[in-house]
């Protein structure tokens, strides 16, 4: 397997319709007209992913006040995402991409380095999608801890 294709600013954001943690579905086109922060994480209820989700949760009001919607995406099943939402009071949608097709389209699934080994998995990434459905920012290999604070600074919110 080779390195995944990476998105760049100005690229159209790959559309998706995926099941959510609440049993409904969410599509990117339904959010058109709003700015969207889509973040890809490897696995719900793991320490790093929990820290990242809680950071987004704790920043959600100010992100929404600045016009951003937040959506988390992982290969976890909707049932696991629902447990994650309930356990950690996650207040934004979590979508399930069990076949990893959307993660792959965003370049957030493929070969990566983990503890000095090359493995295949979810590449922790964040995408800022503008109101027209275009990629404004594509951030790959982000850190779970401190990423939301850095993103807020980069977006001019702090």
Protein backbone atom coordinates (compact mmCIF):
# COMPACT_ATOMS: atom_id res chain seq x y z
CA UNK A 1 0.00 0.00 0.00
CA UNK A 2 1.29 3.47 -0.84
CA UNK A 3 0.83 6.75 0.97
CA UNK A 4 -2.72 8.07 0.68
CA UNK A 5 -3.68 10.92 -1.63
CA UNK A 6 -3.73 14.16 0.36
CA UNK A 7 -6.25 16.96 -0.07
CA UNK A 8 -5.13 20.57 -0.49
CA UNK A 9 -6.82 23.92 0.02
CA UNK A 10 -9.25 24.61 -2.81
CA UNK A 11 -10.00 20.92 -3.48
CA UNK A 12 -13.66 19.93 -3.30
CA UNK A 13 -14.36 18.14 -0.03
CA UNK A 14 -15.44 14.57 -0.76
CA UNK A 15 -19.15 14.30 0.00
CA UNK A 16 -20.48 11.62 2.30
CA UNK A 17 -23.63 10.34 3.93
CA UNK A 18 -22.80 8.24 6.98
CA UNK A 19 -24.59 6.81 10.02
CA UNK A 20 -24.16 8.77 13.24
CA UNK A 21 -23.89 8.03 16.93
CA UNK A 22 -27.62 8.84 17.31
CA UNK A 23 -28.87 6.37 14.70
CA UNK A 24 -29.55 8.99 12.03
CA UNK A 25 -27.40 9.85 9.02
CA UNK A 26 -25.38 12.95 8.29
CA UNK A 27 -24.24 14.21 4.90
CA UNK A 28 -21.73 16.90 4.13
CA UNK A 29 -24.11 18.48 1.63
CA UNK A 30 -26.65 18.99 4.45
CA UNK A 31 -24.07 21.27 6.08
CA UNK A 32 -23.45 23.33 2.93
CA UNK A 33 -23.54 27.03 3.68
CA UNK A 34 -21.76 26.49 6.99
CA UNK A 35 -18.09 26.02 7.78
CA UNK A 36 -17.31 22.48 8.93
CA UNK A 37 -14.43 21.10 10.94
CA UNK A 38 -14.25 17.39 10.11
CA UNK A 39 -11.74 15.53 12.21
CA UNK A 40 -10.64 11.93 11.69
CA UNK A 41 -9.57 9.87 14.67
CA UNK A 42 -8.54 6.21 14.98
CA UNK A 43 -10.78 4.79 17.72
CA UNK A 44 -13.43 5.99 20.15
CA UNK A 45 -12.77 5.64 23.87
CA UNK A 46 -8.98 5.45 23.58
CA UNK A 47 -6.99 7.97 25.63
CA UNK A 48 -5.81 10.23 22.78
CA UNK A 49 -9.11 10.19 20.93
CA UNK A 50 -11.00 10.92 24.14
CA UNK A 51 -8.72 13.89 24.88
CA UNK A 52 -9.23 15.25 21.38
CA UNK A 53 -13.02 14.80 21.46
CA UNK A 54 -13.23 16.49 24.87
CA UNK A 55 -11.11 19.40 23.60
CA UNK A 56 -13.52 19.87 20.67
CA UNK A 57 -16.49 19.51 23.06
CA UNK A 58 -15.06 22.14 25.40
CA UNK A 59 -14.45 24.54 22.47
CA UNK A 60 -17.71 23.83 20.67
CA UNK A 61 -19.65 26.92 21.81
CA UNK A 62 -16.94 29.32 20.66
CA UNK A 63 -16.38 27.39 17.41
CA UNK A 64 -20.11 27.51 16.67
CA UNK A 65 -20.20 31.22 17.57
CA UNK A 66 -17.51 31.70 14.89
CA UNK A 67 -19.68 29.79 12.38
CA UNK A 68 -18.08 26.33 12.54
CA UNK A 69 -19.81 22.97 12.89
CA UNK A 70 -17.72 20.09 14.24
CA UNK A 71 -18.05 16.48 13.05
CA UNK A 72 -15.88 13.56 14.18
CA UNK A 73 -15.31 10.57 11.86
CA UNK A 74 -13.85 7.16 12.69
CA UNK A 75 -14.20 3.55 11.54
CA UNK A 76 -16.06 2.68 14.76
CA UNK A 77 -19.60 1.29 14.57
CA UNK A 78 -22.45 3.66 15.49
CA UNK A 79 -23.11 1.70 18.70
CA UNK A 80 -19.57 2.32 19.95
CA UNK A 81 -19.84 5.98 18.98
CA UNK A 82 -23.06 6.26 21.01
CA UNK A 83 -21.27 4.86 24.06
CA UNK A 84 -18.43 7.33 23.48
CA UNK A 85 -20.90 10.22 23.22
CA UNK A 86 -22.68 9.20 26.41
CA UNK A 87 -19.54 8.43 28.43
CA UNK A 88 -17.75 11.67 27.54
CA UNK A 89 -20.72 14.01 26.95
CA UNK A 90 -19.72 14.61 23.33
CA UNK A 91 -22.08 17.29 22.01
CA UNK A 92 -21.39 17.19 18.27
CA UNK A 93 -22.07 14.48 15.67
CA UNK A 94 -19.81 11.44 15.39
CA UNK A 95 -20.07 9.59 12.08
CA UNK A 96 -19.20 5.97 11.37
CA UNK A 97 -17.10 5.03 8.33
CA UNK A 98 -16.73 1.29 8.92
CA UNK A 99 -15.52 0.55 5.37
CA UNK A 100 -13.08 3.49 5.57
CA UNK A 101 -14.11 4.75 2.12
CA UNK A 102 -14.63 8.35 3.26
CA UNK A 103 -11.47 8.33 5.38
CA UNK A 104 -9.58 7.08 2.31
CA UNK A 105 -11.13 9.78 0.09
CA UNK A 106 -9.88 12.41 2.54
CA UNK A 107 -6.40 10.85 2.66
CA UNK A 108 -6.93 10.01 6.33
CA UNK A 109 -6.52 6.24 5.98
CA UNK A 110 -3.42 4.48 4.79
CA UNK A 111 0.18 3.83 5.73
CA UNK A 112 1.52 5.68 8.74
CA UNK A 113 4.29 5.38 11.28
CA UNK A 114 3.38 4.01 14.69
CA UNK A 115 6.09 3.43 17.27
CA UNK A 116 8.71 3.13 14.55
CA UNK A 117 6.75 0.65 12.42
CA UNK A 118 4.83 1.21 9.23
CA UNK A 119 1.19 0.25 9.75
CA UNK A 120 -2.08 0.81 7.93
CA UNK A 121 -4.73 2.76 9.80
CA UNK A 122 -6.50 6.03 10.40
CA UNK A 123 -4.21 9.04 10.10
CA UNK A 124 -5.34 11.57 12.73
CA UNK A 125 -6.35 14.52 10.55
CA UNK A 126 -8.49 17.64 10.56
CA UNK A 127 -10.20 19.29 7.62
CA UNK A 128 -11.76 22.73 7.54
CA UNK A 129 -14.43 22.84 4.83
CA UNK A 130 -15.75 26.23 3.71
CA UNK A 131 -19.38 27.17 3.07
CA UNK A 132 -19.08 26.12 -0.59
CA UNK A 133 -17.81 22.62 0.21
CA UNK A 134 -14.16 23.30 -0.59
CA UNK A 135 -11.18 22.36 1.57
CA UNK A 136 -9.89 25.43 3.38
CA UNK A 137 -7.32 23.53 5.48
CA UNK A 138 -6.14 19.92 5.41
CA UNK A 139 -4.03 19.00 8.44
CA UNK A 140 -2.50 15.51 8.58
CA UNK A 141 -0.74 13.64 11.38
CA UNK A 142 -2.02 16.05 14.02
CA UNK A 143 -1.46 15.43 17.71
CA UNK A 144 -4.43 14.50 19.87
CA UNK A 145 -3.30 16.78 22.69
CA UNK A 146 -3.10 20.48 21.97
CA UNK A 147 -4.45 20.23 18.43
CA UNK A 148 -7.74 22.04 19.09
CA UNK A 149 -5.93 24.95 20.75
CA UNK A 150 -3.55 25.20 17.77
CA UNK A 151 -6.46 25.00 15.31
CA UNK A 152 -8.28 27.78 17.18
CA UNK A 153 -5.15 29.97 16.95
CA UNK A 154 -4.73 29.17 13.23
CA UNK A 155 -8.37 30.11 12.60
CA UNK A 156 -7.88 33.41 14.44
CA UNK A 157 -10.26 32.50 17.28
CA UNK A 158 -7.76 33.01 20.12
